[in-house]
Amino acid sequence: MLVVYDSRFGAGKAFAEKLGRPSQSVSEPLNEECVLITRNEGFGQITQITRAFLDEHKDLVRGFVVNGSMERHAESYCFAADKIEKEYGLTCLRKINGQGTDEDIEAVKAAIENL
């Protein structure tokens, strides 16, 4: 399954690449099912680019991961995940800190296998 990422500073892209699957940016054309790696913006908001992507491709997204920073934004850590679940009816596979840990990578790989 394709992994699509919204990555401002590279953490989401790095995590996507660690999953060992084909990956691409949310700004590229999409015509197949995918897992989305996205991020918080501000205090737990959905980024504009992710919102536009989901508005157009929600039916192709099988699950998503949100990365945030526990160090910089502990009070709003990965709040975008809850908003995406509520607004788009999609399932959050994992909330990760930064580029994620080895445990996060294995958990998301397993979740993708079960989609």
N, C-alpha and C. Protein backbone atom coordinates (compact mmCIF):
# COMPACT_ATOMS: atom_id res chain seq x y z
N MET A 1 0.84 -1.18 0.00
CA MET A 1 0.00 0.00 0.00
C MET A 1 0.88 1.24 0.00
N LEU A 2 0.48 2.23 -0.72
CA LEU A 2 1.20 3.49 -0.83
C LEU A 2 1.11 4.26 0.49
N VAL A 3 2.18 4.96 0.85
CA VAL A 3 2.21 5.84 2.01
C VAL A 3 2.35 7.26 1.49
N VAL A 4 1.41 8.11 1.88
CA VAL A 4 1.40 9.51 1.46
C VAL A 4 1.69 10.37 2.69
N TYR A 5 2.55 11.36 2.54
CA TYR A 5 2.94 12.16 3.70
C TYR A 5 2.77 13.66 3.46
N ASP A 6 2.42 14.35 4.55
CA ASP A 6 2.42 15.81 4.64
C ASP A 6 3.53 16.12 5.63
N SER A 7 4.65 16.62 5.14
CA SER A 7 5.83 16.79 5.99
C SER A 7 6.44 18.16 5.77
N ARG A 8 6.41 18.99 6.79
CA ARG A 8 6.95 20.34 6.67
C ARG A 8 8.47 20.38 6.89
N PHE A 9 8.93 19.69 7.94
CA PHE A 9 10.36 19.73 8.27
C PHE A 9 11.05 18.39 8.05
N GLY A 10 10.34 17.41 7.47
CA GLY A 10 10.96 16.15 7.11
C GLY A 10 10.67 14.97 8.02
N ALA A 11 10.05 15.19 9.18
CA ALA A 11 9.79 14.08 10.11
C ALA A 11 8.78 13.09 9.51
N GLY A 12 7.71 13.60 8.93
CA GLY A 12 6.71 12.72 8.33
C GLY A 12 7.25 11.95 7.14
N LYS A 13 8.04 12.62 6.32
CA LYS A 13 8.66 11.95 5.17
C LYS A 13 9.61 10.86 5.66
N ALA A 14 10.42 11.17 6.66
CA ALA A 14 11.36 10.19 7.19
C ALA A 14 10.62 8.97 7.74
N PHE A 15 9.53 9.20 8.47
CA PHE A 15 8.76 8.09 9.01
C PHE A 15 8.17 7.26 7.87
N ALA A 16 7.60 7.92 6.88
CA ALA A 16 7.02 7.21 5.74
C ALA A 16 8.05 6.32 5.07
N GLU A 17 9.25 6.83 4.87
CA GLU A 17 10.30 6.06 4.21
C GLU A 17 10.75 4.87 5.04
N LYS A 18 10.66 4.96 6.37
CA LYS A 18 11.06 3.86 7.25
C LYS A 18 10.07 2.69 7.19
N LEU A 19 8.89 2.92 6.64
CA LEU A 19 7.89 1.86 6.56
C LEU A 19 8.18 0.85 5.45
N GLY A 20 9.12 1.19 4.57
CA GLY A 20 9.53 0.24 3.54
C GLY A 20 8.52 0.03 2.43
N ARG A 21 7.70 1.01 2.20
CA ARG A 21 6.68 0.93 1.14
C ARG A 21 6.87 2.13 0.21
N PRO A 22 6.30 2.06 -0.98
CA PRO A 22 6.35 3.24 -1.85
C PRO A 22 5.71 4.42 -1.14
N SER A 23 6.30 5.60 -1.31
CA SER A 23 5.75 6.78 -0.65
C SER A 23 5.82 7.99 -1.58
N GLN A 24 4.97 8.96 -1.26
CA GLN A 24 4.94 10.21 -2.03
C GLN A 24 4.33 11.31 -1.18
N SER A 25 4.54 12.53 -1.60
CA SER A 25 3.99 13.70 -0.94
C SER A 25 2.49 13.83 -1.23
N VAL A 26 1.77 14.48 -0.31
CA VAL A 26 0.33 14.72 -0.54
C VAL A 26 0.09 15.62 -1.74
N SER A 27 1.11 16.34 -2.19
CA SER A 27 0.93 17.24 -3.33
C SER A 27 1.02 16.53 -4.68
N GLU A 28 1.37 15.25 -4.68
CA GLU A 28 1.45 14.48 -5.92
C GLU A 28 0.09 13.85 -6.24
N PRO A 29 -0.18 13.58 -7.52
CA PRO A 29 -1.46 12.94 -7.89
C PRO A 29 -1.62 11.57 -7.21
N LEU A 30 -2.84 11.24 -6.86
CA LEU A 30 -3.12 9.98 -6.18
C LEU A 30 -4.23 9.24 -6.90
N ASN A 31 -4.03 7.94 -7.15
CA ASN A 31 -5.07 7.13 -7.78
C ASN A 31 -5.12 5.71 -7.23
N GLU A 32 -4.65 5.54 -5.98
CA GLU A 32 -4.69 4.23 -5.34
C GLU A 32 -4.87 4.40 -3.83
N GLU A 33 -5.25 3.31 -3.17
CA GLU A 33 -5.43 3.35 -1.73
C GLU A 33 -4.11 3.67 -1.04
N CYS A 34 -4.22 4.33 0.12
CA CYS A 34 -3.01 4.76 0.80
C CYS A 34 -3.22 4.84 2.31
N VAL A 35 -2.09 5.00 2.99
CA VAL A 35 -2.05 5.38 4.39
C VAL A 35 -1.44 6.78 4.40
N LEU A 36 -2.01 7.67 5.19
CA LEU A 36 -1.55 9.05 5.27
C LEU A 36 -0.72 9.27 6.52
N ILE A 37 0.43 9.92 6.35
CA ILE A 37 1.24 10.38 7.47
C ILE A 37 1.10 11.89 7.47
N THR A 38 0.55 12.46 8.54
CA THR A 38 0.35 13.90 8.58
C THR A 38 0.86 14.45 9.90
N ARG A 39 0.56 15.70 10.17
CA ARG A 39 1.13 16.38 11.33
C ARG A 39 0.13 17.39 11.90
N ASN A 40 0.46 17.90 13.06
CA ASN A 40 -0.29 19.00 13.65
C ASN A 40 0.17 20.31 13.03
N GLU A 41 -0.70 21.29 13.10
CA GLU A 41 -0.30 22.65 12.75
C GLU A 41 -0.78 23.54 13.88
N GLY A 42 0.07 24.44 14.33
CA GLY A 42 -0.32 25.30 15.46
C GLY A 42 -0.63 24.46 16.68
N PHE A 43 -1.75 24.72 17.30
CA PHE A 43 -2.14 23.98 18.50
C PHE A 43 -3.10 22.86 18.16
N GLY A 44 -2.59 21.86 17.40
CA GLY A 44 -3.38 20.67 17.12
C GLY A 44 -4.37 20.80 15.99
N GLN A 45 -4.13 21.69 15.06
CA GLN A 45 -5.02 21.85 13.91
C GLN A 45 -4.60 20.93 12.76
N ILE A 46 -5.55 20.61 11.90
CA ILE A 46 -5.26 19.87 10.67
C ILE A 46 -4.63 20.86 9.70
N THR A 47 -3.53 20.49 9.06
CA THR A 47 -2.89 21.40 8.12
C THR A 47 -3.79 21.64 6.91
N GLN A 48 -3.63 22.78 6.28
CA GLN A 48 -4.42 23.10 5.09
C GLN A 48 -4.19 22.08 3.98
N ILE A 49 -2.94 21.68 3.78
CA ILE A 49 -2.63 20.74 2.70
C ILE A 49 -3.25 19.37 2.99
N THR A 50 -3.23 18.93 4.25
CA THR A 50 -3.88 17.66 4.60
C THR A 50 -5.38 17.76 4.43
N ARG A 51 -5.96 18.87 4.85
CA ARG A 51 -7.41 19.06 4.69
C ARG A 51 -7.80 19.00 3.21
N ALA A 52 -7.05 19.67 2.36
CA ALA A 52 -7.35 19.66 0.92
C ALA A 52 -7.19 18.23 0.37
N PHE A 53 -6.15 17.53 0.81
CA PHE A 53 -5.92 16.16 0.38
C PHE A 53 -7.09 15.27 0.80
N LEU A 54 -7.51 15.37 2.05
CA LEU A 54 -8.61 14.54 2.54
C LEU A 54 -9.94 14.89 1.88
N ASP A 55 -10.16 16.17 1.62
CA ASP A 55 -11.39 16.57 0.93
C ASP A 55 -11.48 15.91 -0.44
N GLU A 56 -10.35 15.74 -1.10
CA GLU A 56 -10.33 15.15 -2.44
C GLU A 56 -10.19 13.62 -2.42
N HIS A 57 -9.45 13.08 -1.47
CA HIS A 57 -9.08 11.65 -1.53
C HIS A 57 -9.50 10.82 -0.32
N LYS A 58 -10.37 11.32 0.51
CA LYS A 58 -10.76 10.60 1.73
C LYS A 58 -11.11 9.14 1.47
N ASP A 59 -11.77 8.87 0.38
CA ASP A 59 -12.20 7.50 0.07
C ASP A 59 -11.03 6.56 -0.24
N LEU A 60 -9.86 7.08 -0.51
CA LEU A 60 -8.69 6.25 -0.79
C LEU A 60 -7.80 6.06 0.45
N VAL A 61 -8.08 6.79 1.52
CA VAL A 61 -7.26 6.71 2.73
C VAL A 61 -7.79 5.60 3.63
N ARG A 62 -6.95 4.62 3.93
CA ARG A 62 -7.35 3.46 4.74
C ARG A 62 -7.00 3.64 6.22
N GLY A 63 -6.18 4.60 6.53
CA GLY A 63 -5.80 4.91 7.90
C GLY A 63 -4.75 6.01 7.87
N PHE A 64 -4.45 6.56 9.04
CA PHE A 64 -3.48 7.66 9.06
C PHE A 64 -2.68 7.65 10.36
N VAL A 65 -1.55 8.33 10.29
CA VAL A 65 -0.65 8.52 11.43
C VAL A 65 -0.44 10.02 11.56
N VAL A 66 -0.41 10.51 12.81
CA VAL A 66 -0.11 11.93 13.04
C VAL A 66 1.18 12.01 13.84
N ASN A 67 2.09 12.86 13.38
CA ASN A 67 3.29 13.10 14.17
C ASN A 67 3.22 14.49 14.78
N GLY A 68 3.75 14.58 15.97
CA GLY A 68 3.78 15.85 16.70
C GLY A 68 5.06 15.92 17.51
N SER A 69 5.14 16.92 18.35
CA SER A 69 6.31 17.11 19.20
C SER A 69 5.87 17.20 20.65
N MET A 70 6.16 16.15 21.41
CA MET A 70 5.85 16.17 22.85
C MET A 70 6.66 17.25 23.56
N GLU A 71 7.85 17.52 23.07
CA GLU A 71 8.71 18.50 23.71
C GLU A 71 8.21 19.93 23.50
N ARG A 72 7.78 20.24 22.31
CA ARG A 72 7.38 21.61 21.97
C ARG A 72 5.90 21.88 22.14
N HIS A 73 5.07 20.85 21.98
CA HIS A 73 3.62 21.07 21.98
C HIS A 73 2.89 20.00 22.79
N ALA A 74 3.34 19.74 23.98
CA ALA A 74 2.74 18.68 24.81
C ALA A 74 1.26 18.92 25.05
N GLU A 75 0.86 20.19 25.20
CA GLU A 75 -0.54 20.50 25.49
C GLU A 75 -1.48 20.25 24.31
N SER A 76 -0.95 20.16 23.11
CA SER A 76 -1.79 19.90 21.93
C SER A 76 -1.23 18.76 21.08
N TYR A 77 -0.49 17.87 21.74
CA TYR A 77 0.18 16.77 21.05
C TYR A 77 -0.79 15.92 20.24
N CYS A 78 -0.61 15.94 18.93
CA CYS A 78 -1.37 15.11 17.99
C CYS A 78 -2.90 15.31 18.06
N PHE A 79 -3.35 16.47 18.50
CA PHE A 79 -4.79 16.74 18.52
C PHE A 79 -5.40 16.63 17.13
N ALA A 80 -4.60 16.86 16.09
CA ALA A 80 -5.13 16.75 14.72
C ALA A 80 -5.70 15.36 14.46
N ALA A 81 -5.16 14.34 15.12
CA ALA A 81 -5.65 12.97 14.94
C ALA A 81 -7.12 12.87 15.32
N ASP A 82 -7.46 13.41 16.47
CA ASP A 82 -8.85 13.36 16.94
C ASP A 82 -9.77 14.12 15.99
N LYS A 83 -9.29 15.24 15.48
CA LYS A 83 -10.10 16.05 14.56
C LYS A 83 -10.32 15.33 13.23
N ILE A 84 -9.28 14.67 12.72
CA ILE A 84 -9.43 13.93 11.46
C ILE A 84 -10.41 12.77 11.64
N GLU A 85 -10.30 12.06 12.76
CA GLU A 85 -11.23 10.96 13.02
C GLU A 85 -12.67 11.47 13.05
N LYS A 86 -12.88 12.57 13.75
CA LYS A 86 -14.23 13.12 13.90
C LYS A 86 -14.77 13.70 12.59
N GLU A 87 -13.97 14.50 11.90
CA GLU A 87 -14.43 15.19 10.70
C GLU A 87 -14.50 14.31 9.46
N TYR A 88 -13.59 13.34 9.36
CA TYR A 88 -13.50 12.54 8.14
C TYR A 88 -13.87 11.06 8.35
N GLY A 89 -14.05 10.65 9.59
CA GLY A 89 -14.43 9.27 9.86
C GLY A 89 -13.34 8.26 9.56
N LEU A 90 -12.10 8.69 9.61
CA LEU A 90 -10.97 7.81 9.33
C LEU A 90 -10.35 7.31 10.64
N THR A 91 -9.57 6.23 10.56
CA THR A 91 -8.97 5.62 11.72
C THR A 91 -7.52 6.02 11.88
N CYS A 92 -7.19 6.52 13.07
CA CYS A 92 -5.79 6.84 13.39
C CYS A 92 -5.08 5.55 13.76
N LEU A 93 -4.03 5.23 13.03
CA LEU A 93 -3.24 4.03 13.28
C LEU A 93 -2.24 4.23 14.41
N ARG A 94 -1.77 5.48 14.57
CA ARG A 94 -0.76 5.74 15.60
C ARG A 94 -0.50 7.24 15.69
N LYS A 95 -0.23 7.70 16.89
CA LYS A 95 0.26 9.06 17.14
C LYS A 95 1.73 8.90 17.50
N ILE A 96 2.60 9.65 16.81
CA ILE A 96 4.03 9.49 17.03
C ILE A 96 4.69 10.82 17.37
N ASN A 97 5.78 10.73 18.09
CA ASN A 97 6.58 11.89 18.43
C ASN A 97 7.70 12.03 17.41
N GLY A 98 7.74 13.15 16.71
CA GLY A 98 8.80 13.40 15.72
C GLY A 98 8.80 12.36 14.61
N GLN A 99 9.95 11.74 14.39
CA GLN A 99 10.09 10.73 13.34
C GLN A 99 9.67 9.34 13.80
N GLY A 100 9.21 9.23 15.04
CA GLY A 100 8.76 7.95 15.56
C GLY A 100 9.90 7.08 16.03
N THR A 101 9.53 6.04 16.75
CA THR A 101 10.51 5.08 17.29
C THR A 101 10.44 3.79 16.48
N ASP A 102 11.35 2.87 16.75
CA ASP A 102 11.30 1.56 16.12
C ASP A 102 9.97 0.87 16.45
N GLU A 103 9.50 1.05 17.67
CA GLU A 103 8.22 0.47 18.08
C GLU A 103 7.07 1.05 17.24
N ASP A 104 7.10 2.37 17.00
CA ASP A 104 6.08 3.01 16.16
C ASP A 104 6.10 2.43 14.74
N ILE A 105 7.29 2.26 14.20
CA ILE A 105 7.43 1.74 12.84
C ILE A 105 6.83 0.34 12.76
N GLU A 106 7.18 -0.52 13.70
CA GLU A 106 6.66 -1.89 13.68
C GLU A 106 5.15 -1.91 13.88
N ALA A 107 4.62 -1.06 14.76
CA ALA A 107 3.18 -1.01 15.00
C ALA A 107 2.42 -0.56 13.76
N VAL A 108 2.95 0.44 13.06
CA VAL A 108 2.28 0.93 11.85
C VAL A 108 2.39 -0.10 10.72
N LYS A 109 3.54 -0.74 10.59
CA LYS A 109 3.68 -1.80 9.59
C LYS A 109 2.63 -2.89 9.82
N ALA A 110 2.47 -3.29 11.07
CA ALA A 110 1.48 -4.33 11.41
C ALA A 110 0.07 -3.84 11.13
N ALA A 111 -0.20 -2.59 11.45
CA ALA A 111 -1.54 -2.03 11.20
C ALA A 111 -1.86 -2.01 9.71
N ILE A 112 -0.87 -1.66 8.89
CA ILE A 112 -1.06 -1.63 7.45
C ILE A 112 -1.36 -3.04 6.94
N GLU A 113 -0.66 -4.01 7.44
CA GLU A 113 -0.89 -5.40 7.02
C GLU A 113 -2.32 -5.85 7.33
N ASN A 114 -2.91 -5.27 8.37
CA ASN A 114 -4.26 -5.66 8.78
C ASN A 114 -5.37 -4.83 8.14
N LEU A 115 -5.02 -3.88 7.30
CA LEU A 115 -6.05 -3.05 6.65
C LEU A 115 -6.75 -3.82 5.54
